[in-house]
Amino acid sequence: MSEITKKKQYLPIIAASCVLAAIGLMAEGQQVLTDANPIAAFIGMGVGIMLFPLIFTHFLGNTAGLVAFVIFASGYTVDAFDLMKDEQATITSESFLYKTKGCEFATTFPSKPTIKIFTNPQIGDYEEAFWLSKDPAGSTVLRAECVPMQLNIDKFGAKNVILNMLATFAKDNGLSSVSYRYKLEPAGPTGYARGVKYAAGNPITSRIVLVVGENSFLTLYALGLSATFPQREVSPFLDSVRRVN
């Protein structure tokens, strides 16, 4: 068999492996795209998928290689799509829309949070919704607080008010190496903060989102182990803010 023929017999397996590698990245979802180099992950998955079929092809011929690839790829593809369905079900099947009285915003938790009422001498009563992951390895904490209070952002400027409040929140929560960002979102003027703190010697990453309305403001907190941050519940929760009034 000529070298050109040998190369051609590998092409279907290589091409199909690239397709399955893309499916694998989709199945892994936000985590791999955020915490890993997508190109490296793609190459790694592709090489892993084609390895055994190419060995069969090299020693037993093109037909044996293709048969091995079909068997291997069929099982891999089914598992990948099952993983995508399971992850989507985890995020959406028990999701809980959280909105409190007097708040102009709503957000979605993965499931029903624990809701408590607190009293502040200056602003009165306000609610806090708290959610903790059932997976001990994830240790994800999500929290939402909506305060029915008008902020004087017209006088001092929305960006200054929001970033100063985020700096206070970050300090109160013991965060270090904090980065800040401001953006005018569809829901309203919004500030973002991200920082790190330590618990029992482990680094914990925290993200804070603060969005301001006309008569209330909503603050979202998401915390998780830095090694696996952002956990799969974090981005859907922080991205779910919307105005309802």
C-alpha atoms as a PDB file:
ATOM      1  CA  MET A   1       0.000   0.000   0.000  1.00  0.00           C
ATOM      2  CA  SER A   2       1.425   3.382  -0.998  1.00  0.00           C
ATOM      3  CA  GLU A   3       2.046   6.164   1.495  1.00  0.00           C
ATOM      4  CA  ILE A   4      -0.646   8.269  -0.173  1.00  0.00           C
ATOM      5  CA  THR A   5      -3.196   5.464   0.221  1.00  0.00           C
ATOM      6  CA  LYS A   6      -2.245   4.990   3.866  1.00  0.00           C
ATOM      7  CA  LYS A   7      -2.725   8.687   4.539  1.00  0.00           C
ATOM      8  CA  LYS A   8      -6.086   8.711   2.773  1.00  0.00           C
ATOM      9  CA  GLN A   9      -7.380   5.820   4.882  1.00  0.00           C
ATOM     10  CA  TYR A  10      -6.704   7.842   8.029  1.00  0.00           C
ATOM     11  CA  LEU A  11      -8.573  10.924   6.830  1.00  0.00           C
ATOM     12  CA  PRO A  12     -12.170   9.732   7.582  1.00  0.00           C
ATOM     13  CA  ILE A  13     -11.186   8.804  11.144  1.00  0.00           C
ATOM     14  CA  ILE A  14      -9.338  12.092  11.718  1.00  0.00           C
ATOM     15  CA  ALA A  15     -12.212  14.171  10.334  1.00  0.00           C
ATOM     16  CA  ALA A  16     -14.837  12.321  12.335  1.00  0.00           C
ATOM     17  CA  SER A  17     -12.682  12.577  15.464  1.00  0.00           C
ATOM     18  CA  CYS A  18     -12.671  16.364  15.104  1.00  0.00           C
ATOM     19  CA  VAL A  19     -16.467  16.328  15.017  1.00  0.00           C
ATOM     20  CA  LEU A  20     -16.627  14.184  18.147  1.00  0.00           C
ATOM     21  CA  ALA A  21     -14.090  16.437  19.872  1.00  0.00           C
ATOM     22  CA  ALA A  22     -16.420  19.388  19.232  1.00  0.00           C
ATOM     23  CA  ILE A  23     -19.297  17.376  20.687  1.00  0.00           C
ATOM     24  CA  GLY A  24     -17.110  16.629  23.705  1.00  0.00           C
ATOM     25  CA  LEU A  25     -16.442  20.312  24.320  1.00  0.00           C
ATOM     26  CA  MET A  26     -20.174  21.012  24.079  1.00  0.00           C
ATOM     27  CA  ALA A  27     -20.840  18.248  26.585  1.00  0.00           C
ATOM     28  CA  GLU A  28     -18.256  19.598  29.017  1.00  0.00           C
ATOM     29  CA  GLY A  29     -19.887  23.015  28.720  1.00  0.00           C
ATOM     30  CA  GLN A  30     -18.826  26.308  30.291  1.00  0.00           C
ATOM     31  CA  GLN A  31     -16.352  24.750  32.696  1.00  0.00           C
ATOM     32  CA  VAL A  32     -13.790  23.575  30.132  1.00  0.00           C
ATOM     33  CA  LEU A  33     -14.104  26.713  28.022  1.00  0.00           C
ATOM     34  CA  THR A  34     -13.513  28.947  31.034  1.00  0.00           C
ATOM     35  CA  ASP A  35     -10.862  27.059  32.961  1.00  0.00           C
ATOM     36  CA  ALA A  36      -8.918  25.468  30.073  1.00  0.00           C
ATOM     37  CA  ASN A  37      -7.482  26.498  26.737  1.00  0.00           C
ATOM     38  CA  PRO A  38     -10.253  25.549  24.263  1.00  0.00           C
ATOM     39  CA  ILE A  39      -7.732  24.735  21.511  1.00  0.00           C
ATOM     40  CA  ALA A  40      -5.718  22.442  23.787  1.00  0.00           C
ATOM     41  CA  ALA A  41      -8.913  20.781  25.042  1.00  0.00           C
ATOM     42  CA  PHE A  42     -10.114  20.257  21.463  1.00  0.00           C
ATOM     43  CA  ILE A  43      -6.819  18.685  20.375  1.00  0.00           C
ATOM     44  CA  GLY A  44      -6.668  16.496  23.468  1.00  0.00           C
ATOM     45  CA  MET A  45     -10.180  15.144  22.967  1.00  0.00           C
ATOM     46  CA  GLY A  46      -9.611  14.593  19.228  1.00  0.00           C
ATOM     47  CA  VAL A  47      -6.382  12.654  19.784  1.00  0.00           C
ATOM     48  CA  GLY A  48      -7.990  10.569  22.514  1.00  0.00           C
ATOM     49  CA  ILE A  49     -10.969   9.682  20.338  1.00  0.00           C
ATOM     50  CA  MET A  50      -8.910   8.658  17.279  1.00  0.00           C
ATOM     51  CA  LEU A  51      -6.111   6.821  19.117  1.00  0.00           C
ATOM     52  CA  PHE A  52      -7.547   3.307  19.272  1.00  0.00           C
ATOM     53  CA  PRO A  53      -9.157   3.332  15.797  1.00  0.00           C
ATOM     54  CA  LEU A  54      -5.840   4.453  14.252  1.00  0.00           C
ATOM     55  CA  ILE A  55      -4.007   1.620  16.024  1.00  0.00           C
ATOM     56  CA  PHE A  56      -6.504  -0.857  14.559  1.00  0.00           C
ATOM     57  CA  THR A  57      -6.055   0.739  11.136  1.00  0.00           C
ATOM     58  CA  HIS A  58      -2.273   0.572  11.279  1.00  0.00           C
ATOM     59  CA  PHE A  59      -2.051  -3.100  12.242  1.00  0.00           C
ATOM     60  CA  LEU A  60      -5.259  -4.625  10.866  1.00  0.00           C
ATOM     61  CA  GLY A  61      -6.160  -2.420   7.927  1.00  0.00           C
ATOM     62  CA  ASN A  62      -8.637   0.263   6.984  1.00  0.00           C
ATOM     63  CA  THR A  63     -11.781  -1.820   7.487  1.00  0.00           C
ATOM     64  CA  ALA A  64     -10.854  -2.889  11.018  1.00  0.00           C
ATOM     65  CA  GLY A  65      -9.997   0.708  11.902  1.00  0.00           C
ATOM     66  CA  LEU A  66     -13.304   2.040  10.653  1.00  0.00           C
ATOM     67  CA  VAL A  67     -15.248  -0.694  12.484  1.00  0.00           C
ATOM     68  CA  ALA A  68     -13.401   0.125  15.707  1.00  0.00           C
ATOM     69  CA  PHE A  69     -14.072   3.819  15.212  1.00  0.00           C
ATOM     70  CA  VAL A  70     -17.806   3.284  14.624  1.00  0.00           C
ATOM     71  CA  ILE A  71     -18.128   1.180  17.783  1.00  0.00           C
ATOM     72  CA  PHE A  72     -16.094   3.602  19.886  1.00  0.00           C
ATOM     73  CA  ALA A  73     -17.694   6.745  18.449  1.00  0.00           C
ATOM     74  CA  SER A  74     -21.242   5.445  18.876  1.00  0.00           C
ATOM     75  CA  GLY A  75     -20.761   4.919  22.589  1.00  0.00           C
ATOM     76  CA  TYR A  76     -18.913   8.208  23.024  1.00  0.00           C
ATOM     77  CA  THR A  77     -21.534  10.252  21.193  1.00  0.00           C
ATOM     78  CA  VAL A  78     -24.402   8.754  23.190  1.00  0.00           C
ATOM     79  CA  ASP A  79     -22.549   9.436  26.446  1.00  0.00           C
ATOM     80  CA  ALA A  80     -21.762  13.003  25.381  1.00  0.00           C
ATOM     81  CA  PHE A  81     -25.342  13.863  24.520  1.00  0.00           C
ATOM     82  CA  ASP A  82     -26.561  12.162  27.700  1.00  0.00           C
ATOM     83  CA  LEU A  83     -24.146  14.355  29.673  1.00  0.00           C
ATOM     84  CA  MET A  84     -25.466  17.487  27.964  1.00  0.00           C
ATOM     85  CA  LYS A  85     -29.047  16.475  28.723  1.00  0.00           C
ATOM     86  CA  ASP A  86     -28.211  15.648  32.345  1.00  0.00           C
ATOM     87  CA  GLU A  87     -26.438  18.991  32.857  1.00  0.00           C
ATOM     88  CA  GLN A  88     -29.288  20.946  31.287  1.00  0.00           C
ATOM     89  CA  ALA A  89     -31.787  19.061  33.445  1.00  0.00           C
ATOM     90  CA  THR A  90     -29.735  19.872  36.546  1.00  0.00           C
ATOM     91  CA  ILE A  91     -29.883  23.572  35.763  1.00  0.00           C
ATOM     92  CA  THR A  92     -33.498  23.856  34.681  1.00  0.00           C
ATOM     93  CA  SER A  93     -35.679  21.062  36.103  1.00  0.00           C
ATOM     94  CA  GLU A  94     -35.952  22.510  39.627  1.00  0.00           C
ATOM     95  CA  SER A  95     -35.099  26.141  38.909  1.00  0.00           C
ATOM     96  CA  PHE A  96     -36.726  28.701  41.175  1.00  0.00           C
ATOM     97  CA  LEU A  97     -37.627  32.237  40.097  1.00  0.00           C
ATOM     98  CA  TYR A  98     -36.869  34.550  42.981  1.00  0.00           C
ATOM     99  CA  LYS A  99     -38.596  37.902  43.353  1.00  0.00           C
ATOM    100  CA  THR A 100     -39.401  39.722  46.546  1.00  0.00           C
ATOM    101  CA  LYS A 101     -42.000  42.387  47.284  1.00  0.00           C
ATOM    102  CA  GLY A 102     -40.883  45.895  46.406  1.00  0.00           C
ATOM    103  CA  CYS A 103     -38.066  44.677  44.172  1.00  0.00           C
ATOM    104  CA  GLU A 104     -37.838  45.620  40.504  1.00  0.00           C
ATOM    105  CA  PHE A 105     -35.737  42.583  39.641  1.00  0.00           C
ATOM    106  CA  ALA A 106     -35.960  38.803  39.552  1.00  0.00           C
ATOM    107  CA  THR A 107     -33.291  36.133  39.349  1.00  0.00           C
ATOM    108  CA  THR A 108     -33.276  32.359  38.990  1.00  0.00           C
ATOM    109  CA  PHE A 109     -31.761  29.904  41.459  1.00  0.00           C
ATOM    110  CA  PRO A 110     -30.981  26.275  40.536  1.00  0.00           C
ATOM    111  CA  SER A 111     -33.641  25.223  43.062  1.00  0.00           C
ATOM    112  CA  LYS A 112     -35.605  26.848  45.869  1.00  0.00           C
ATOM    113  CA  PRO A 113     -33.308  28.835  48.190  1.00  0.00           C
ATOM    114  CA  THR A 114     -33.622  29.471  51.898  1.00  0.00           C
ATOM    115  CA  ILE A 115     -35.214  32.885  52.432  1.00  0.00           C
ATOM    116  CA  LYS A 116     -34.653  35.009  55.523  1.00  0.00           C
ATOM    117  CA  ILE A 117     -35.779  38.509  56.498  1.00  0.00           C
ATOM    118  CA  PHE A 118     -33.350  41.007  57.982  1.00  0.00           C
ATOM    119  CA  THR A 119     -33.916  44.456  59.457  1.00  0.00           C
ATOM    120  CA  ASN A 120     -31.641  47.433  58.982  1.00  0.00           C
ATOM    121  CA  PRO A 121     -32.244  50.618  61.026  1.00  0.00           C
ATOM    122  CA  GLN A 122     -31.752  52.788  57.954  1.00  0.00           C
ATOM    123  CA  ILE A 123     -33.556  50.821  55.232  1.00  0.00           C
ATOM    124  CA  GLY A 124     -36.001  48.647  57.178  1.00  0.00           C
ATOM    125  CA  ASP A 125     -36.757  45.028  56.285  1.00  0.00           C
ATOM    126  CA  TYR A 126     -35.203  43.246  53.326  1.00  0.00           C
ATOM    127  CA  GLU A 127     -34.920  39.645  52.167  1.00  0.00           C
ATOM    128  CA  GLU A 128     -31.929  37.422  51.614  1.00  0.00           C
ATOM    129  CA  ALA A 129     -32.171  34.255  49.514  1.00  0.00           C
ATOM    130  CA  PHE A 130     -29.422  31.692  50.188  1.00  0.00           C
ATOM    131  CA  TRP A 131     -28.612  28.548  48.173  1.00  0.00           C
ATOM    132  CA  LEU A 132     -25.971  25.922  48.918  1.00  0.00           C
ATOM    133  CA  SER A 133     -24.913  23.176  46.521  1.00  0.00           C
ATOM    134  CA  LYS A 134     -25.825  19.626  47.546  1.00  0.00           C
ATOM    135  CA  ASP A 135     -22.484  18.450  46.172  1.00  0.00           C
ATOM    136  CA  PRO A 136     -19.871  18.750  48.964  1.00  0.00           C
ATOM    137  CA  ALA A 137     -17.065  18.786  46.387  1.00  0.00           C
ATOM    138  CA  GLY A 138     -18.609  21.789  44.653  1.00  0.00           C
ATOM    139  CA  SER A 139     -19.286  23.836  47.786  1.00  0.00           C
ATOM    140  CA  THR A 140     -21.082  26.456  45.685  1.00  0.00           C
ATOM    141  CA  VAL A 141     -22.912  29.241  47.502  1.00  0.00           C
ATOM    142  CA  LEU A 142     -25.385  31.576  45.780  1.00  0.00           C
ATOM    143  CA  ARG A 143     -26.993  34.528  47.527  1.00  0.00           C
ATOM    144  CA  ALA A 144     -29.366  37.311  46.505  1.00  0.00           C
ATOM    145  CA  GLU A 145     -30.399  40.431  48.412  1.00  0.00           C
ATOM    146  CA  CYS A 146     -32.895  42.950  47.109  1.00  0.00           C
ATOM    147  CA  VAL A 147     -33.233  46.190  49.061  1.00  0.00           C
ATOM    148  CA  PRO A 148     -36.274  48.426  48.432  1.00  0.00           C
ATOM    149  CA  MET A 149     -34.317  51.651  48.555  1.00  0.00           C
ATOM    150  CA  GLN A 150     -33.757  54.472  46.087  1.00  0.00           C
ATOM    151  CA  LEU A 151     -30.096  55.271  45.431  1.00  0.00           C
ATOM    152  CA  ASN A 152     -29.184  58.809  44.469  1.00  0.00           C
ATOM    153  CA  ILE A 153     -27.298  57.787  41.331  1.00  0.00           C
ATOM    154  CA  ASP A 154     -28.369  60.869  39.376  1.00  0.00           C
ATOM    155  CA  LYS A 155     -26.524  63.174  41.769  1.00  0.00           C
ATOM    156  CA  PHE A 156     -23.290  61.228  42.182  1.00  0.00           C
ATOM    157  CA  GLY A 157     -23.297  59.182  38.974  1.00  0.00           C
ATOM    158  CA  ALA A 158     -24.338  55.542  38.666  1.00  0.00           C
ATOM    159  CA  LYS A 159     -20.818  54.273  38.027  1.00  0.00           C
ATOM    160  CA  ASN A 160     -19.305  55.956  41.105  1.00  0.00           C
ATOM    161  CA  VAL A 161     -22.138  54.892  43.403  1.00  0.00           C
ATOM    162  CA  ILE A 162     -22.121  51.268  42.241  1.00  0.00           C
ATOM    163  CA  LEU A 163     -18.344  50.784  42.264  1.00  0.00           C
ATOM    164  CA  ASN A 164     -18.071  52.333  45.740  1.00  0.00           C
ATOM    165  CA  MET A 165     -20.795  50.006  47.002  1.00  0.00           C
ATOM    166  CA  LEU A 166     -19.032  47.011  45.458  1.00  0.00           C
ATOM    167  CA  ALA A 167     -15.784  48.037  47.137  1.00  0.00           C
ATOM    168  CA  THR A 168     -17.611  48.105  50.479  1.00  0.00           C
ATOM    169  CA  PHE A 169     -19.212  44.712  49.830  1.00  0.00           C
ATOM    170  CA  ALA A 170     -15.834  43.235  48.862  1.00  0.00           C
ATOM    171  CA  LYS A 171     -14.223  44.574  52.037  1.00  0.00           C
ATOM    172  CA  ASP A 172     -17.086  43.339  54.228  1.00  0.00           C
ATOM    173  CA  ASN A 173     -16.756  39.871  52.664  1.00  0.00           C
ATOM    174  CA  GLY A 174     -12.995  39.735  53.176  1.00  0.00           C
ATOM    175  CA  LEU A 175     -12.059  39.678  49.481  1.00  0.00           C
ATOM    176  CA  SER A 176      -8.596  40.478  48.154  1.00  0.00           C
ATOM    177  CA  SER A 177      -7.184  40.962  44.641  1.00  0.00           C
ATOM    178  CA  VAL A 178     -10.546  42.421  43.649  1.00  0.00           C
ATOM    179  CA  SER A 179     -11.291  43.542  40.084  1.00  0.00           C
ATOM    180  CA  TYR A 180     -14.236  45.799  39.207  1.00  0.00           C
ATOM    181  CA  ARG A 181     -16.266  46.502  36.101  1.00  0.00           C
ATOM    182  CA  TYR A 182     -19.256  48.691  35.274  1.00  0.00           C
ATOM    183  CA  LYS A 183     -21.725  48.343  32.409  1.00  0.00           C
ATOM    184  CA  LEU A 184     -25.154  49.695  31.504  1.00  0.00           C
ATOM    185  CA  GLU A 185     -27.147  46.472  31.088  1.00  0.00           C
ATOM    186  CA  PRO A 186     -30.754  46.057  29.854  1.00  0.00           C
ATOM    187  CA  ALA A 187     -31.835  45.458  33.470  1.00  0.00           C
ATOM    188  CA  GLY A 188     -30.189  48.702  34.600  1.00  0.00           C
ATOM    189  CA  PRO A 189     -26.799  50.150  35.634  1.00  0.00           C
ATOM    190  CA  THR A 190     -24.739  47.154  36.754  1.00  0.00           C
ATOM    191  CA  GLY A 191     -21.449  46.665  38.546  1.00  0.00           C
ATOM    192  CA  TYR A 192     -19.330  43.529  38.717  1.00  0.00           C
ATOM    193  CA  ALA A 193     -16.645  42.511  41.185  1.00  0.00           C
ATOM    194  CA  ARG A 194     -14.477  39.425  41.492  1.00  0.00           C
ATOM    195  CA  GLY A 195     -12.068  38.556  44.277  1.00  0.00           C
ATOM    196  CA  VAL A 196     -10.537  35.806  46.395  1.00  0.00           C
ATOM    197  CA  LYS A 197     -10.570  34.915  50.057  1.00  0.00           C
ATOM    198  CA  TYR A 198      -9.417  31.891  52.056  1.00  0.00           C
ATOM    199  CA  ALA A 199     -11.432  29.437  54.125  1.00  0.00           C
ATOM    200  CA  ALA A 200      -9.655  26.653  56.022  1.00  0.00           C
ATOM    201  CA  GLY A 201      -6.594  27.373  53.899  1.00  0.00           C
ATOM    202  CA  ASN A 202      -8.449  26.923  50.609  1.00  0.00           C
ATOM    203  CA  PRO A 203      -8.802  29.763  48.090  1.00  0.00           C
ATOM    204  CA  ILE A 204     -12.435  30.740  47.462  1.00  0.00           C
ATOM    205  CA  THR A 205     -13.423  32.839  44.466  1.00  0.00           C
ATOM    206  CA  SER A 206     -16.349  35.218  44.792  1.00  0.00           C
ATOM    207  CA  ARG A 207     -18.236  37.160  42.157  1.00  0.00           C
ATOM    208  CA  ILE A 208     -20.634  39.986  43.012  1.00  0.00           C
ATOM    209  CA  VAL A 209     -23.200  41.579  40.712  1.00  0.00           C
ATOM    210  CA  LEU A 210     -25.022  44.769  41.719  1.00  0.00           C
ATOM    211  CA  VAL A 211     -27.845  46.149  39.570  1.00  0.00           C
ATOM    212  CA  VAL A 212     -29.698  49.367  40.406  1.00  0.00           C
ATOM    213  CA  GLY A 213     -33.294  50.265  39.597  1.00  0.00           C
ATOM    214  CA  GLU A 214     -35.434  53.294  40.276  1.00  0.00           C
ATOM    215  CA  ASN A 215     -36.690  52.170  43.687  1.00  0.00           C
ATOM    216  CA  SER A 216     -34.531  49.171  44.626  1.00  0.00           C
ATOM    217  CA  PHE A 217     -31.212  47.473  44.014  1.00  0.00           C
ATOM    218  CA  LEU A 218     -30.331  43.803  43.751  1.00  0.00           C
ATOM    219  CA  THR A 219     -27.045  42.252  44.843  1.00  0.00           C
ATOM    220  CA  LEU A 220     -26.006  38.744  43.810  1.00  0.00           C
ATOM    221  CA  TYR A 221     -23.142  36.804  45.362  1.00  0.00           C
ATOM    222  CA  ALA A 222     -21.609  33.580  44.043  1.00  0.00           C
ATOM    223  CA  LEU A 223     -18.827  31.740  45.870  1.00  0.00           C
ATOM    224  CA  GLY A 224     -17.005  28.532  45.060  1.00  0.00           C
ATOM    225  CA  LEU A 225     -13.666  26.768  45.373  1.00  0.00           C
ATOM    226  CA  SER A 226     -11.185  28.590  43.156  1.00  0.00           C
ATOM    227  CA  ALA A 227      -9.818  25.347  41.721  1.00  0.00           C
ATOM    228  CA  THR A 228     -13.148  24.584  40.034  1.00  0.00           C
ATOM    229  CA  PHE A 229     -14.607  28.094  39.674  1.00  0.00           C
ATOM    230  CA  PRO A 230     -16.958  28.949  38.087  1.00  0.00           C
ATOM    231  CA  GLN A 231     -19.068  25.945  39.050  1.00  0.00           C
ATOM    232  CA  ARG A 232     -21.869  25.187  36.588  1.00  0.00           C
ATOM    233  CA  GLU A 233     -24.525  26.946  38.687  1.00  0.00           C
ATOM    234  CA  VAL A 234     -22.633  30.245  38.892  1.00  0.00           C
ATOM    235  CA  SER A 235     -22.975  31.780  35.424  1.00  0.00           C
ATOM    236  CA  PRO A 236     -26.665  30.860  34.884  1.00  0.00           C
ATOM    237  CA  PHE A 237     -27.476  32.410  38.264  1.00  0.00           C
ATOM    238  CA  LEU A 238     -25.550  35.663  37.730  1.00  0.00           C
ATOM    239  CA  ASP A 239     -26.768  36.011  34.139  1.00  0.00           C
ATOM    240  CA  SER A 240     -30.450  35.498  35.036  1.00  0.00           C
ATOM    241  CA  VAL A 241     -31.112  39.018  36.388  1.00  0.00           C
ATOM    242  CA  ARG A 242     -34.025  40.741  34.691  1.00  0.00           C
ATOM    243  CA  ARG A 243     -36.315  43.658  35.423  1.00  0.00           C
ATOM    244  CA  VAL A 244     -39.896  42.720  36.266  1.00  0.00           C
ATOM    245  CA  ASN A 245     -41.450  46.073  37.273  1.00  0.00           C
END
